[in-house]
C-alpha atoms as a PDB file:
ATOM      1  CA  MET A   1       0.000   0.000   0.000  1.00  0.00           C
ATOM      2  CA  SER A   2       1.309   3.443  -0.928  1.00  0.00           C
ATOM      3  CA  ASP A   3       1.522   6.138   1.714  1.00  0.00           C
ATOM      4  CA  GLY A   4       1.972   8.796  -0.974  1.00  0.00           C
ATOM      5  CA  LEU A   5       5.221  10.258   0.365  1.00  0.00           C
ATOM      6  CA  THR A   6       6.655  11.106  -3.045  1.00  0.00           C
ATOM      7  CA  LEU A   7       8.458  14.341  -3.863  1.00  0.00           C
ATOM      8  CA  ARG A   8       7.478  16.017  -7.146  1.00  0.00           C
ATOM      9  CA  LEU A   9       9.297  19.136  -8.374  1.00  0.00           C
ATOM     10  CA  THR A  10       9.227  20.975 -11.692  1.00  0.00           C
ATOM     11  CA  ARG A  11      11.696  23.729 -12.557  1.00  0.00           C
ATOM     12  CA  MET A  12      12.507  25.807 -15.634  1.00  0.00           C
ATOM     13  CA  LEU A  13      16.234  26.118 -16.313  1.00  0.00           C
ATOM     14  CA  PRO A  14      17.795  28.787 -18.560  1.00  0.00           C
ATOM     15  CA  ALA A  15      19.603  26.449 -20.971  1.00  0.00           C
ATOM     16  CA  SER A  16      19.095  23.919 -23.738  1.00  0.00           C
ATOM     17  CA  ARG A  17      18.103  20.349 -22.940  1.00  0.00           C
ATOM     18  CA  LEU A  18      21.581  19.166 -24.005  1.00  0.00           C
ATOM     19  CA  ALA A  19      23.279  21.628 -21.637  1.00  0.00           C
ATOM     20  CA  VAL A  20      20.994  20.582 -18.768  1.00  0.00           C
ATOM     21  CA  TRP A  21      21.558  16.890 -19.549  1.00  0.00           C
ATOM     22  CA  LYS A  22      25.322  17.460 -19.309  1.00  0.00           C
ATOM     23  CA  ALA A  23      24.875  19.352 -16.023  1.00  0.00           C
ATOM     24  CA  VAL A  24      22.854  16.508 -14.460  1.00  0.00           C
ATOM     25  CA  THR A  25      25.040  13.650 -15.740  1.00  0.00           C
ATOM     26  CA  ASP A  26      28.656  14.922 -15.839  1.00  0.00           C
ATOM     27  CA  SER A  27      30.658  14.365 -12.623  1.00  0.00           C
ATOM     28  CA  ASP A  28      32.503  17.688 -12.821  1.00  0.00           C
ATOM     29  CA  GLU A  29      29.323  19.667 -13.462  1.00  0.00           C
ATOM     30  CA  LEU A  30      27.388  17.821 -10.734  1.00  0.00           C
ATOM     31  CA  ALA A  31      30.047  18.794  -8.187  1.00  0.00           C
ATOM     32  CA  GLY A  32      29.336  22.456  -8.969  1.00  0.00           C
ATOM     33  CA  TRP A  33      25.652  22.458  -8.042  1.00  0.00           C
ATOM     34  CA  TRP A  34      24.760  19.309  -6.088  1.00  0.00           C
ATOM     35  CA  GLY A  35      23.451  19.705  -2.557  1.00  0.00           C
ATOM     36  CA  PRO A  36      21.986  22.461  -0.433  1.00  0.00           C
ATOM     37  CA  LYS A  37      23.580  25.895  -0.254  1.00  0.00           C
ATOM     38  CA  GLY A  38      26.816  25.866   1.711  1.00  0.00           C
ATOM     39  CA  PHE A  39      27.519  22.183   1.064  1.00  0.00           C
ATOM     40  CA  ALA A  40      30.721  21.112  -0.681  1.00  0.00           C
ATOM     41  CA  VAL A  41      30.967  18.073  -2.932  1.00  0.00           C
ATOM     42  CA  PRO A  42      34.565  16.799  -2.606  1.00  0.00           C
ATOM     43  CA  SER A  43      34.077  13.795  -4.896  1.00  0.00           C
ATOM     44  CA  VAL A  44      31.603  12.530  -7.479  1.00  0.00           C
ATOM     45  CA  GLU A  45      31.688   9.161  -9.218  1.00  0.00           C
ATOM     46  CA  PHE A  46      28.772   9.360 -11.646  1.00  0.00           C
ATOM     47  CA  GLU A  47      28.727   7.470 -14.947  1.00  0.00           C
ATOM     48  CA  PRO A  48      25.128   7.031 -16.016  1.00  0.00           C
ATOM     49  CA  ARG A  49      24.661   3.692 -17.729  1.00  0.00           C
ATOM     50  CA  LEU A  50      22.023   1.065 -17.143  1.00  0.00           C
ATOM     51  CA  GLY A  51      23.035  -1.019 -14.131  1.00  0.00           C
ATOM     52  CA  GLY A  52      25.962   1.293 -13.364  1.00  0.00           C
ATOM     53  CA  ARG A  53      26.540   2.702  -9.899  1.00  0.00           C
ATOM     54  CA  TYR A  54      27.353   6.162  -8.541  1.00  0.00           C
ATOM     55  CA  ARG A  55      28.721   7.648  -5.304  1.00  0.00           C
ATOM     56  CA  ILE A  56      28.731  11.282  -4.182  1.00  0.00           C
ATOM     57  CA  ALA A  57      30.533  12.705  -1.127  1.00  0.00           C
ATOM     58  CA  MET A  58      28.878  15.673   0.576  1.00  0.00           C
ATOM     59  CA  GLN A  59      30.353  17.984   3.205  1.00  0.00           C
ATOM     60  CA  PRO A  60      27.957  20.194   5.179  1.00  0.00           C
ATOM     61  CA  PRO A  61      29.238  23.604   6.373  1.00  0.00           C
ATOM     62  CA  GLU A  62      29.411  22.150   9.892  1.00  0.00           C
ATOM     63  CA  GLY A  63      29.472  18.424  10.405  1.00  0.00           C
ATOM     64  CA  ASP A  64      30.963  15.224   9.114  1.00  0.00           C
ATOM     65  CA  LEU A  65      31.445  14.169   5.517  1.00  0.00           C
ATOM     66  CA  PHE A  66      28.814  11.698   4.320  1.00  0.00           C
ATOM     67  CA  HIS A  67      27.941   9.918   1.083  1.00  0.00           C
ATOM     68  CA  LEU A  68      25.035   8.884  -1.039  1.00  0.00           C
ATOM     69  CA  HIS A  69      25.069   6.160  -3.623  1.00  0.00           C
ATOM     70  CA  GLY A  70      22.845   4.150  -5.882  1.00  0.00           C
ATOM     71  CA  GLU A  71      22.336   2.325  -9.139  1.00  0.00           C
ATOM     72  CA  PHE A  72      21.120   3.626 -12.483  1.00  0.00           C
ATOM     73  CA  ARG A  73      17.774   2.082 -13.442  1.00  0.00           C
ATOM     74  CA  ALA A  74      17.097   4.006 -16.693  1.00  0.00           C
ATOM     75  CA  VAL A  75      19.291   6.203 -18.881  1.00  0.00           C
ATOM     76  CA  ASP A  76      17.708   7.830 -21.953  1.00  0.00           C
ATOM     77  CA  PRO A  77      19.959  10.698 -23.122  1.00  0.00           C
ATOM     78  CA  PRO A  78      19.091  13.561 -23.269  1.00  0.00           C
ATOM     79  CA  PHE A  79      15.554  13.001 -22.015  1.00  0.00           C
ATOM     80  CA  ALA A  80      15.461  11.032 -18.759  1.00  0.00           C
ATOM     81  CA  LEU A  81      17.502   9.452 -15.995  1.00  0.00           C
ATOM     82  CA  SER A  82      16.433   7.248 -13.108  1.00  0.00           C
ATOM     83  CA  TYR A  83      18.481   5.974 -10.183  1.00  0.00           C
ATOM     84  CA  THR A  84      18.185   4.666  -6.652  1.00  0.00           C
ATOM     85  CA  PHE A  85      19.214   7.000  -3.820  1.00  0.00           C
ATOM     86  CA  VAL A  86      20.707   5.665  -0.571  1.00  0.00           C
ATOM     87  CA  TRP A  87      22.360   7.679   2.233  1.00  0.00           C
ATOM     88  CA  ASP A  88      25.590   6.373   3.779  1.00  0.00           C
ATOM     89  CA  PRO A  89      25.376   6.388   6.724  1.00  0.00           C
ATOM     90  CA  PRO A  90      21.574   6.368   6.735  1.00  0.00           C
ATOM     91  CA  ASN A  91      19.285   8.158   9.141  1.00  0.00           C
ATOM     92  CA  PRO A  92      17.020   5.643  10.964  1.00  0.00           C
ATOM     93  CA  ASP A  93      14.081   7.063   8.970  1.00  0.00           C
ATOM     94  CA  ASP A  94      15.814   6.666   5.585  1.00  0.00           C
ATOM     95  CA  ARG A  95      15.017   4.052   3.016  1.00  0.00           C
ATOM     96  CA  GLU A  96      16.158   3.554  -0.556  1.00  0.00           C
ATOM     97  CA  THR A  97      14.210   5.861  -2.861  1.00  0.00           C
ATOM     98  CA  LEU A  98      13.994   6.136  -6.634  1.00  0.00           C
ATOM     99  CA  VAL A  99      14.837   9.449  -8.339  1.00  0.00           C
ATOM    100  CA  THR A 100      13.544  10.129 -11.852  1.00  0.00           C
ATOM    101  CA  VAL A 101      14.629  13.231 -13.761  1.00  0.00           C
ATOM    102  CA  SER A 102      12.925  14.114 -17.059  1.00  0.00           C
ATOM    103  CA  LEU A 103      13.942  16.962 -19.387  1.00  0.00           C
ATOM    104  CA  ALA A 104      11.727  18.721 -21.943  1.00  0.00           C
ATOM    105  CA  ASP A 105      12.453  21.581 -24.359  1.00  0.00           C
ATOM    106  CA  ARG A 106      10.473  24.741 -23.599  1.00  0.00           C
ATOM    107  CA  GLY A 107      11.732  27.247 -26.141  1.00  0.00           C
ATOM    108  CA  GLU A 108      15.125  28.493 -24.996  1.00  0.00           C
ATOM    109  CA  GLU A 109      14.645  26.897 -21.583  1.00  0.00           C
ATOM    110  CA  THR A 110      14.399  23.331 -20.326  1.00  0.00           C
ATOM    111  CA  GLU A 111      11.735  22.023 -18.019  1.00  0.00           C
ATOM    112  CA  VAL A 112      13.094  19.599 -15.435  1.00  0.00           C
ATOM    113  CA  ALA A 113      10.607  17.293 -13.729  1.00  0.00           C
ATOM    114  CA  LEU A 114      11.913  15.359 -10.729  1.00  0.00           C
ATOM    115  CA  THR A 115      10.186  12.706  -8.672  1.00  0.00           C
ATOM    116  CA  GLN A 116      11.671  10.901  -5.680  1.00  0.00           C
ATOM    117  CA  GLY A 117      10.076   8.423  -3.338  1.00  0.00           C
ATOM    118  CA  GLU A 118       8.653   6.851  -1.508  1.00  0.00           C
ATOM    119  CA  PHE A 119       9.907   8.313   1.727  1.00  0.00           C
ATOM    120  CA  ALA A 120       9.358   6.755   5.140  1.00  0.00           C
ATOM    121  CA  THR A 121       8.363  10.029   6.834  1.00  0.00           C
ATOM    122  CA  GLU A 122       7.121  13.530   6.024  1.00  0.00           C
ATOM    123  CA  GLU A 123      10.315  14.885   7.624  1.00  0.00           C
ATOM    124  CA  ARG A 124      12.588  13.005   5.207  1.00  0.00           C
ATOM    125  CA  LEU A 125      10.459  14.129   2.248  1.00  0.00           C
ATOM    126  CA  ALA A 126      10.713  17.749   3.457  1.00  0.00           C
ATOM    127  CA  LEU A 127      14.499  17.427   3.861  1.00  0.00           C
ATOM    128  CA  HIS A 128      14.853  16.235   0.257  1.00  0.00           C
ATOM    129  CA  ASP A 129      12.434  18.896  -1.008  1.00  0.00           C
ATOM    130  CA  GLY A 130      14.655  21.572   0.521  1.00  0.00           C
ATOM    131  CA  GLY A 131      17.854  19.960  -0.771  1.00  0.00           C
ATOM    132  CA  TRP A 132      16.610  19.582  -4.346  1.00  0.00           C
ATOM    133  CA  THR A 133      15.095  23.089  -4.342  1.00  0.00           C
ATOM    134  CA  GLU A 134      18.414  24.656  -3.302  1.00  0.00           C
ATOM    135  CA  SER A 135      20.347  22.401  -5.692  1.00  0.00           C
ATOM    136  CA  PHE A 136      18.177  23.485  -8.634  1.00  0.00           C
ATOM    137  CA  GLU A 137      18.640  27.146  -7.627  1.00  0.00           C
ATOM    138  CA  LYS A 138      22.429  26.607  -7.717  1.00  0.00           C
ATOM    139  CA  LEU A 139      22.135  24.799 -11.070  1.00  0.00           C
ATOM    140  CA  ALA A 140      20.073  27.640 -12.568  1.00  0.00           C
ATOM    141  CA  GLU A 141      22.772  30.127 -11.486  1.00  0.00           C
ATOM    142  CA  LEU A 142      25.506  28.029 -13.101  1.00  0.00           C
ATOM    143  CA  LEU A 143      23.549  27.751 -16.352  1.00  0.00           C
ATOM    144  CA  ARG A 144      22.937  31.523 -16.634  1.00  0.00           C
END
């Protein structure tokens, strides 16, 4: 039974679909915008291919380095990407979620639609909502 704790975000980004695809799939570009404001991304291993794996290190402004990792479930360049998302170390309320990112041309901009879920709690959904929102703000700045 579904509890409906799925994050859904849509954003317009000021770049072509190909430029956005590169920004969301290239390790070097990901390191420039991934994570909430103030977070550093010291390392990114991200090679999107079906069945491939990724690992991202994140450093909050205050606190210990942590990682997230997962496996690519769908890769359809330059339209869509889907992967599992697992925190390492996990919070007791974390569970593996599935992230799906879809890109669509909207004139000179690109519409990004993201879904992620299902989350175990409203608090974890809210945490990810804030993280993705700030990440997309950083990405929009980089693309300008």
